[in-house]
């Protein structure tokens, strides 16, 4: 009779890793983007000083401006930046709020994926 392991076995060449293996890095990248703009939210939000490659300095607390100047590489984090751009285009306000809200929803969803009854 074959032994049954409590832990699932995923060979190194597995084409489909478990969902948590893919979700956690994506959520971490999204939370990093949200943390950049989180302190600029609200009437007492802090200003951010952004310096580009040419040395030009931009000081702002506008989430859309901050996110537009970030060089985001992770695909999931890029989705948050695009979300901010769409919010700015459609409504003109609330860019920081939608990014923080989306990141928090992803964080809670990741906790549900990890949860074992």
C-alpha atoms as a PDB file:
ATOM      1  CA  UNK A   1       0.000   0.000   0.000  1.00  0.00           C
ATOM      2  CA  UNK A   2       1.546   3.381  -0.983  1.00  0.00           C
ATOM      3  CA  UNK A   3       2.236   5.954   1.686  1.00  0.00           C
ATOM      4  CA  UNK A   4       0.138   9.095   1.674  1.00  0.00           C
ATOM      5  CA  UNK A   5       1.886  12.304   2.674  1.00  0.00           C
ATOM      6  CA  UNK A   6       0.069  15.091   4.494  1.00  0.00           C
ATOM      7  CA  UNK A   7       1.918  17.640   2.374  1.00  0.00           C
ATOM      8  CA  UNK A   8       1.164  17.681  -1.360  1.00  0.00           C
ATOM      9  CA  UNK A   9       4.106  16.883  -3.599  1.00  0.00           C
ATOM     10  CA  UNK A  10       4.829  19.293  -6.452  1.00  0.00           C
ATOM     11  CA  UNK A  11       7.780  18.274  -8.615  1.00  0.00           C
ATOM     12  CA  UNK A  12      10.181  21.023  -9.625  1.00  0.00           C
ATOM     13  CA  UNK A  13       9.016  20.760 -13.239  1.00  0.00           C
ATOM     14  CA  UNK A  14       5.341  21.089 -12.314  1.00  0.00           C
ATOM     15  CA  UNK A  15       3.505  23.194 -14.879  1.00  0.00           C
ATOM     16  CA  UNK A  16       0.867  24.285 -12.362  1.00  0.00           C
ATOM     17  CA  UNK A  17       2.220  25.338  -8.955  1.00  0.00           C
ATOM     18  CA  UNK A  18      -0.226  25.632  -6.060  1.00  0.00           C
ATOM     19  CA  UNK A  19      -2.254  28.895  -6.095  1.00  0.00           C
ATOM     20  CA  UNK A  20      -0.580  30.273  -2.990  1.00  0.00           C
ATOM     21  CA  UNK A  21       2.830  29.992  -4.639  1.00  0.00           C
ATOM     22  CA  UNK A  22       1.665  32.414  -7.326  1.00  0.00           C
ATOM     23  CA  UNK A  23      -0.595  34.625  -5.246  1.00  0.00           C
ATOM     24  CA  UNK A  24       1.713  35.606  -2.408  1.00  0.00           C
ATOM     25  CA  UNK A  25       4.433  37.346  -4.492  1.00  0.00           C
ATOM     26  CA  UNK A  26       1.776  39.168  -6.522  1.00  0.00           C
ATOM     27  CA  UNK A  27      -0.011  40.381  -3.402  1.00  0.00           C
ATOM     28  CA  UNK A  28       3.298  41.470  -1.875  1.00  0.00           C
ATOM     29  CA  UNK A  29       4.105  43.522  -4.987  1.00  0.00           C
ATOM     30  CA  UNK A  30       0.658  45.157  -4.899  1.00  0.00           C
ATOM     31  CA  UNK A  31       0.967  45.957  -1.203  1.00  0.00           C
ATOM     32  CA  UNK A  32       4.329  47.593  -1.880  1.00  0.00           C
ATOM     33  CA  UNK A  33       2.770  49.899  -4.460  1.00  0.00           C
ATOM     34  CA  UNK A  34      -0.107  50.730  -2.107  1.00  0.00           C
ATOM     35  CA  UNK A  35       2.307  51.480   0.736  1.00  0.00           C
ATOM     36  CA  UNK A  36       4.067  54.057  -1.433  1.00  0.00           C
ATOM     37  CA  UNK A  37       0.903  56.126  -1.810  1.00  0.00           C
ATOM     38  CA  UNK A  38      -0.813  55.283   1.491  1.00  0.00           C
ATOM     39  CA  UNK A  39       0.872  58.070   3.469  1.00  0.00           C
ATOM     40  CA  UNK A  40      -0.245  60.687   0.936  1.00  0.00           C
ATOM     41  CA  UNK A  41      -3.961  59.949   1.457  1.00  0.00           C
ATOM     42  CA  UNK A  42      -6.304  62.532   2.916  1.00  0.00           C
ATOM     43  CA  UNK A  43      -6.137  66.181   3.894  1.00  0.00           C
ATOM     44  CA  UNK A  44      -3.132  65.640   6.157  1.00  0.00           C
ATOM     45  CA  UNK A  45      -1.352  63.369   3.672  1.00  0.00           C
ATOM     46  CA  UNK A  46       2.388  63.722   3.343  1.00  0.00           C
ATOM     47  CA  UNK A  47       4.088  65.047   0.231  1.00  0.00           C
ATOM     48  CA  UNK A  48       6.443  62.779  -1.709  1.00  0.00           C
ATOM     49  CA  UNK A  49       9.630  63.959  -3.332  1.00  0.00           C
ATOM     50  CA  UNK A  50      10.218  62.122  -6.603  1.00  0.00           C
ATOM     51  CA  UNK A  51      13.491  62.354  -8.507  1.00  0.00           C
ATOM     52  CA  UNK A  52      13.584  61.047 -12.066  1.00  0.00           C
ATOM     53  CA  UNK A  53      16.557  59.730 -14.063  1.00  0.00           C
ATOM     54  CA  UNK A  54      17.513  63.228 -15.211  1.00  0.00           C
ATOM     55  CA  UNK A  55      17.483  64.594 -11.681  1.00  0.00           C
ATOM     56  CA  UNK A  56      14.254  66.562 -12.006  1.00  0.00           C
ATOM     57  CA  UNK A  57      12.454  66.830  -8.685  1.00  0.00           C
ATOM     58  CA  UNK A  58       8.678  66.611  -8.294  1.00  0.00           C
ATOM     59  CA  UNK A  59       7.016  67.207  -4.943  1.00  0.00           C
ATOM     60  CA  UNK A  60       3.400  66.044  -4.764  1.00  0.00           C
ATOM     61  CA  UNK A  61       0.840  64.235  -2.662  1.00  0.00           C
ATOM     62  CA  UNK A  62      -1.319  63.315  -5.674  1.00  0.00           C
ATOM     63  CA  UNK A  63      -1.556  59.527  -5.956  1.00  0.00           C
ATOM     64  CA  UNK A  64      -1.957  59.602  -9.747  1.00  0.00           C
ATOM     65  CA  UNK A  65       1.239  61.618 -10.178  1.00  0.00           C
ATOM     66  CA  UNK A  66       3.187  59.401  -7.795  1.00  0.00           C
ATOM     67  CA  UNK A  67       2.047  56.191  -9.463  1.00  0.00           C
ATOM     68  CA  UNK A  68       2.603  57.548 -12.973  1.00  0.00           C
ATOM     69  CA  UNK A  69       6.237  58.239 -12.160  1.00  0.00           C
ATOM     70  CA  UNK A  70       6.921  54.869 -10.537  1.00  0.00           C
ATOM     71  CA  UNK A  71       8.808  52.326 -12.605  1.00  0.00           C
ATOM     72  CA  UNK A  72       6.782  49.243 -11.762  1.00  0.00           C
ATOM     73  CA  UNK A  73       7.955  45.911 -13.215  1.00  0.00           C
ATOM     74  CA  UNK A  74       5.735  43.303 -11.562  1.00  0.00           C
ATOM     75  CA  UNK A  75       2.657  42.543 -13.701  1.00  0.00           C
ATOM     76  CA  UNK A  76       0.232  42.502 -10.755  1.00  0.00           C
ATOM     77  CA  UNK A  77       1.553  45.806  -9.447  1.00  0.00           C
ATOM     78  CA  UNK A  78       1.232  47.280 -12.936  1.00  0.00           C
ATOM     79  CA  UNK A  79      -2.467  46.458 -12.783  1.00  0.00           C
ATOM     80  CA  UNK A  80      -2.788  48.725  -9.733  1.00  0.00           C
ATOM     81  CA  UNK A  81      -1.033  51.533 -11.582  1.00  0.00           C
ATOM     82  CA  UNK A  82      -3.413  51.034 -14.531  1.00  0.00           C
ATOM     83  CA  UNK A  83      -6.336  51.013 -12.099  1.00  0.00           C
ATOM     84  CA  UNK A  84      -5.190  54.391 -10.826  1.00  0.00           C
ATOM     85  CA  UNK A  85      -4.923  55.744 -14.376  1.00  0.00           C
ATOM     86  CA  UNK A  86      -8.428  54.542 -15.241  1.00  0.00           C
ATOM     87  CA  UNK A  87      -9.853  56.058 -12.051  1.00  0.00           C
ATOM     88  CA  UNK A  88      -8.198  59.379 -12.881  1.00  0.00           C
ATOM     89  CA  UNK A  89      -9.483  59.255 -16.457  1.00  0.00           C
ATOM     90  CA  UNK A  90     -13.074  58.310 -15.563  1.00  0.00           C
ATOM     91  CA  UNK A  91     -13.629  60.246 -12.334  1.00  0.00           C
ATOM     92  CA  UNK A  92     -10.662  62.566 -11.916  1.00  0.00           C
ATOM     93  CA  UNK A  93     -10.239  61.791  -8.216  1.00  0.00           C
ATOM     94  CA  UNK A  94      -9.830  58.882  -5.817  1.00  0.00           C
ATOM     95  CA  UNK A  95      -6.717  57.370  -7.377  1.00  0.00           C
ATOM     96  CA  UNK A  96      -4.976  56.764  -4.053  1.00  0.00           C
ATOM     97  CA  UNK A  97      -8.144  55.370  -2.488  1.00  0.00           C
ATOM     98  CA  UNK A  98      -8.772  52.760  -5.202  1.00  0.00           C
ATOM     99  CA  UNK A  99      -5.178  51.540  -5.053  1.00  0.00           C
ATOM    100  CA  UNK A 100      -5.265  51.183  -1.262  1.00  0.00           C
ATOM    101  CA  UNK A 101      -8.692  49.505  -1.384  1.00  0.00           C
ATOM    102  CA  UNK A 102      -7.645  47.056  -4.111  1.00  0.00           C
ATOM    103  CA  UNK A 103      -4.434  46.177  -2.265  1.00  0.00           C
ATOM    104  CA  UNK A 104      -6.344  45.558   0.955  1.00  0.00           C
ATOM    105  CA  UNK A 105      -8.820  43.299  -0.870  1.00  0.00           C
ATOM    106  CA  UNK A 106      -5.914  41.337  -2.344  1.00  0.00           C
ATOM    107  CA  UNK A 107      -4.324  41.041   1.086  1.00  0.00           C
ATOM    108  CA  UNK A 108      -7.535  39.647   2.586  1.00  0.00           C
ATOM    109  CA  UNK A 109      -8.018  37.278  -0.374  1.00  0.00           C
ATOM    110  CA  UNK A 110      -4.471  36.001   0.102  1.00  0.00           C
ATOM    111  CA  UNK A 111      -5.250  35.296   3.765  1.00  0.00           C
ATOM    112  CA  UNK A 112      -8.299  33.267   2.666  1.00  0.00           C
ATOM    113  CA  UNK A 113      -6.168  31.263   0.241  1.00  0.00           C
ATOM    114  CA  UNK A 114      -3.724  30.448   3.041  1.00  0.00           C
ATOM    115  CA  UNK A 115      -6.490  29.602   5.526  1.00  0.00           C
ATOM    116  CA  UNK A 116      -6.899  25.938   6.382  1.00  0.00           C
ATOM    117  CA  UNK A 117      -9.981  24.803   8.299  1.00  0.00           C
END
